Protein backbone atom coordinates (compact mmCIF):
# COMPACT_ATOMS: atom_id res chain seq x y z
CA MET A 1 108.49 108.44 99.27
CA GLY A 2 107.71 105.73 101.81
CA LYS A 3 104.59 103.58 102.18
CA LEU A 4 102.90 105.76 104.79
CA VAL A 5 103.22 108.97 102.83
CA ASP A 6 102.32 107.20 99.58
CA ILE A 7 99.03 105.92 101.09
CA LEU A 8 98.18 109.33 102.49
CA HIS A 9 99.01 111.11 99.23
CA ARG A 10 96.69 108.84 97.28
CA ALA A 11 93.84 109.16 99.78
CA GLY A 12 90.93 111.36 98.75
CA LYS A 13 92.36 112.31 95.38
CA VAL A 14 90.61 111.96 92.07
CA SER A 15 93.86 110.91 90.48
CA THR A 16 95.09 107.59 91.98
CA ALA A 17 98.58 107.66 90.38
CA SER A 18 101.12 106.30 92.82
CA ILE A 19 104.74 107.33 93.18
CA GLY A 20 107.17 104.66 94.18
CA PHE A 21 104.62 101.90 94.76
CA ALA A 22 102.82 101.71 91.43
CA GLY A 23 100.51 98.79 91.03
CA ARG A 24 100.15 98.02 94.72
CA PRO A 25 96.63 96.68 95.38
CA GLN A 26 94.28 98.61 97.65
CA THR A 27 92.96 97.04 100.87
CA ALA A 28 89.43 98.17 100.02
CA SER A 29 87.73 97.64 96.62
CA LYS A 30 86.43 101.21 96.36
CA PRO A 31 88.33 104.53 96.76
CA LYS A 32 87.73 106.33 100.03
CA ALA A 33 87.65 110.04 100.73
CA ALA A 34 90.41 109.59 103.33
CA ALA A 35 92.77 106.85 104.44
CA ILE A 36 91.77 105.06 107.66
CA VAL A 37 94.23 104.75 110.51
CA ALA A 38 93.64 102.09 113.19
CA SER A 39 95.51 101.31 116.42
CA VAL A 40 95.61 97.77 117.75
CA GLY A 41 97.14 96.18 120.83
CA THR A 42 98.16 92.75 119.49
CA GLU A 43 99.34 91.27 116.24
CA ALA A 44 96.23 89.10 116.10
CA ASP A 45 94.07 92.27 115.73
CA ILE A 46 95.94 93.62 112.68
CA ASP A 47 94.38 91.32 110.11
CA ALA A 48 90.86 92.09 111.36
CA VAL A 49 91.16 95.90 111.04
CA ILE A 50 92.80 95.68 107.67
CA LYS A 51 90.06 93.43 106.34
CA ALA A 52 87.56 95.95 107.72
CA GLY A 53 89.18 98.74 105.69
CA ALA A 54 92.17 100.15 107.62
CA ASP A 55 94.99 101.42 105.38
CA ILE A 56 97.46 102.21 108.20
CA VAL A 57 97.95 100.34 111.44
CA VAL A 58 99.66 101.64 114.59
CA VAL A 59 100.91 99.06 117.16
CA PRO A 60 102.71 99.44 120.51
CA GLN A 61 106.43 98.70 120.79
CA GLY A 62 107.08 94.98 120.92
CA VAL A 63 104.30 94.05 118.55
CA LYS A 64 105.22 92.95 115.02
CA GLY A 65 103.25 94.06 111.98
CA ASP A 66 103.85 91.18 109.58
CA ALA A 67 100.13 90.85 108.89
CA ALA A 68 100.04 94.47 107.72
CA LYS A 69 102.95 93.99 105.41
CA SER A 70 101.42 90.95 103.77
CA ALA A 71 98.26 93.03 103.10
CA GLU A 72 100.34 95.94 101.72
CA ALA A 73 99.10 98.25 104.47
CA ALA A 74 101.48 100.57 106.26
CA TRP A 75 102.31 99.75 109.87
CA GLY A 76 104.18 101.69 112.48
CA ILE A 77 105.26 101.69 116.10
CA ASP A 78 103.67 104.00 118.65
CA ALA A 79 106.64 105.39 120.53
CA ARG A 80 104.90 108.30 122.27
CA ARG A 81 105.59 106.86 125.72
CA ASN A 82 109.33 106.84 125.08
CA ASP A 83 110.54 110.47 125.12
CA ARG A 84 114.15 109.22 125.38
CA LEU A 85 114.32 107.73 121.96
CA THR A 86 117.61 107.70 120.10
CA VAL A 87 118.50 107.34 116.44
CA ALA A 88 119.75 103.86 117.32
CA ASP A 89 116.27 103.03 118.61
CA LEU A 90 114.74 104.15 115.33
CA ARG A 91 117.18 101.98 113.37
CA ALA A 92 116.16 99.02 115.54
CA LEU A 93 112.46 99.68 114.74
CA HIS A 94 113.29 99.78 111.06
CA GLU A 95 115.08 96.47 111.33
CA GLN A 96 111.91 95.01 112.85
CA GLY A 97 110.16 95.91 109.62
CA ALA A 98 108.21 99.03 110.70
CA ASP A 99 107.28 101.48 107.95
CA PHE A 100 107.02 104.45 110.36
CA VAL A 101 107.32 105.50 113.93
CA LEU A 102 104.90 107.78 115.83
CA LEU A 103 106.73 110.32 117.93
CA PRO A 104 105.67 112.66 120.71
CA GLN A 105 106.51 116.37 120.68
CA THR A 106 108.80 115.74 123.68
CA VAL A 107 111.22 113.70 121.59
CA PRO A 108 114.78 115.11 121.51
CA MET A 109 115.57 117.15 118.42
CA ARG A 110 118.61 114.93 117.78
CA VAL A 111 116.19 112.16 116.85
CA LEU A 112 114.96 114.30 113.96
CA SER A 113 118.40 115.44 112.85
CA GLU A 114 119.42 112.17 111.27
CA THR A 115 117.46 110.24 108.66
CA VAL A 116 116.85 106.54 109.05
CA GLU A 117 116.40 105.36 105.51
CA HIS A 118 112.99 103.83 104.69
CA LEU A 119 111.58 104.69 108.14
CA GLU A 120 109.14 107.54 108.10
CA ARG A 121 108.46 109.73 111.14
CA ALA A 122 104.97 110.82 112.15
CA LEU A 123 104.71 113.51 114.82
CA MET A 124 101.71 113.72 117.15
CA ILE A 125 100.82 117.41 117.68
CA ALA A 126 98.14 119.13 119.70
CA PRO A 127 95.91 121.70 117.96
CA PRO A 128 96.94 125.21 118.99
CA GLN A 129 94.77 126.81 121.63
CA ASP A 130 96.51 130.16 122.16
CA ASP A 131 98.10 130.82 118.79
CA PRO A 132 95.50 132.76 116.81
CA LEU A 133 97.93 133.58 114.00
CA LEU A 134 99.25 129.96 113.95
CA VAL A 135 102.82 131.29 114.05
CA LYS A 136 104.19 128.45 116.20
CA PHE A 137 102.08 125.87 114.38
CA ARG A 138 103.49 126.99 111.00
CA ALA A 139 106.95 126.65 112.41
CA LEU A 140 106.41 122.89 112.63
CA ASN A 141 107.00 122.86 108.87
CA LEU A 142 110.70 123.34 109.63
CA LEU A 143 110.90 119.91 111.31
CA GLU A 144 112.27 116.87 109.52
CA VAL A 145 109.18 114.73 109.83
CA ASP A 146 107.02 113.08 107.13
CA VAL A 147 103.51 113.19 108.58
CA ALA A 148 101.71 115.34 111.17
CA VAL A 149 99.05 113.66 113.32
CA ILE A 150 96.77 116.40 114.58
CA ASP A 151 95.45 115.14 117.88
CA ALA A 152 92.07 116.96 117.79
CA GLN A 153 90.18 113.95 119.32
CA LEU A 154 87.00 115.22 117.70
CA SER A 155 83.83 113.86 119.25
CA ALA A 156 80.61 113.00 117.47
CA LYS A 157 78.93 115.83 119.39
CA ALA A 158 81.59 118.36 118.22
CA LEU A 159 81.20 117.33 114.60
CA ALA A 160 77.43 117.54 114.75
CA ALA A 161 77.61 121.06 116.21
CA MET A 162 80.48 122.27 114.02
CA GLN A 163 79.79 125.65 112.45
CA ILE A 164 81.51 127.26 109.52
CA GLU A 165 84.09 129.10 111.66
CA ASP A 166 85.03 125.92 113.49
CA PHE A 167 85.27 124.02 110.22
CA VAL A 168 87.60 126.66 108.65
CA GLN A 169 89.81 126.81 111.73
CA THR A 170 90.22 123.03 111.81
CA ARG A 171 90.79 122.68 108.05
CA GLN A 172 93.40 125.45 108.21
CA LEU A 173 95.61 123.21 110.40
CA SER A 174 95.97 120.72 107.52
CA GLU A 175 96.16 123.30 104.76
CA ILE A 176 99.24 125.04 106.16
CA MET A 177 101.22 121.85 106.69
CA ARG A 178 103.81 120.98 104.03
CA PHE A 179 103.40 117.29 104.72
CA PRO A 180 100.32 115.00 104.86
CA THR A 181 98.16 115.12 107.95
CA VAL A 182 96.09 112.65 109.96
CA LEU A 183 93.22 113.83 112.16
CA THR A 184 92.26 111.92 115.31
CA VAL A 185 88.56 111.25 116.06
CA ARG A 186 87.37 110.13 119.45
CA GLU A 187 84.37 108.14 118.22
CA LEU A 188 82.54 107.19 115.03
CA PRO A 189 80.18 110.06 114.14
CA PRO A 190 76.82 109.55 112.40
CA ALA A 191 77.01 109.04 108.67
CA GLU A 192 75.72 112.55 107.92
CA ASP A 193 78.69 114.07 109.78
CA ILE A 194 81.38 111.91 108.19
CA ARG A 195 81.18 114.00 105.06
CA THR A 196 82.17 117.05 107.18
CA LEU A 197 84.92 114.99 108.73
CA ALA A 198 86.31 114.02 105.31
CA ARG A 199 86.32 117.68 104.24
CA LEU A 200 88.46 118.84 107.14
CA GLY A 201 91.54 118.57 104.94
CA ALA A 202 93.42 115.64 106.51
CA GLN A 203 94.45 112.79 104.25
CA GLY A 204 93.97 110.30 107.08
CA ILE A 205 91.37 109.73 109.76
CA TRP A 206 92.40 107.96 112.97
CA LEU A 207 89.42 106.47 114.76
CA SER A 208 90.66 106.02 118.30
CA ASP A 209 90.18 102.70 120.06
CA ALA A 210 87.97 101.33 117.32
CA GLY A 211 87.36 97.67 116.53
CA ALA A 212 86.87 96.12 113.13
CA ASP A 213 83.12 96.86 113.21
CA LYS A 214 83.60 100.61 113.57
CA ILE A 215 86.39 100.61 111.00
CA ALA A 216 84.06 98.88 108.53
CA GLN A 217 81.35 101.44 109.15
CA LEU A 218 83.74 104.33 108.61
CA ARG A 219 85.07 102.69 105.42
CA GLU A 220 81.58 102.28 104.00
CA ALA A 221 80.74 105.89 104.74
CA LEU A 222 83.98 107.26 103.24
CA GLU A 223 83.39 105.20 100.08
CA GLN A 224 80.13 107.07 99.57
CA ILE A 225 81.78 110.50 99.65
CA PRO A 226 83.00 111.92 96.33
CA ARG A 227 86.69 112.66 96.54
CA GLU A 228 87.87 116.26 96.27
CA LYS A 229 89.40 117.44 93.02
CA GLU A 230 93.12 117.90 93.14
CA THR A 231 93.42 121.70 93.04
CA PRO A 232 96.04 124.07 94.47
CA SER A 233 95.28 125.38 97.93
CA VAL A 234 95.02 129.18 97.94
CA ALA A 235 93.00 129.80 101.08
CA PHE A 236 95.94 130.52 103.33
CA GLY A 237 98.75 131.30 100.98
CA PRO A 238 102.03 129.47 100.36
CA ILE A 239 104.36 128.26 103.13
CA THR A 240 107.98 129.30 102.62
CA GLY A 241 110.14 126.27 102.15
CA GLY A 242 107.22 123.84 102.06
CA GLY A 243 105.00 122.18 99.54
CA GLN A 244 101.35 121.45 99.11
CA ASN A 245 99.94 118.54 101.03
CA ARG A 246 97.00 117.84 98.80
């Protein structure tokens, strides 16, 4: 288990036992209901978002994440603009010290066919719009990736208006994945809606284009939300060949 998956597995759980990285200090003093993912444009911004409460930092290619490593946060390279990635490219990213790489769905399958040791792969996926039975979405469990980033880009308005049916449909996306999930959020919602956000099933929340001030607000709100008990998921049945993600 790599650093990215370890952080996501520990997020939101009542039990904080760590596998593979026992004893690593947390970046925030209190447990949060979900890990916080932040994207930054320069190395100088990394320290600020981590101090604000980010657990995972995503940087563009060419930016080093040494500040994240020193703080024991996970950092990775956003390679979504490069749909011609090769395994050699992934090895080069690992040599630069990256913990993970964020891939687009357009990446060649050969990139997923060979493991680069100690480099985790996160796949950005769009929520299904025309797959009511989630057949194609379930098939993503067959891929050799470590984390699924569900690019829902939820707005504050959508969260405020979210009804039970919408909540269940969105939570189902994380429940049927065999690996940890991250959910993207367009903007920081009001505190009363962050509880709903934390209960959508993702182990990580990615607040898009957010500075340290917004990250700190999200952290403070997530610290106030009781973490879910670690119970088996039975709502949607088992996934053949996969495992539970919570």
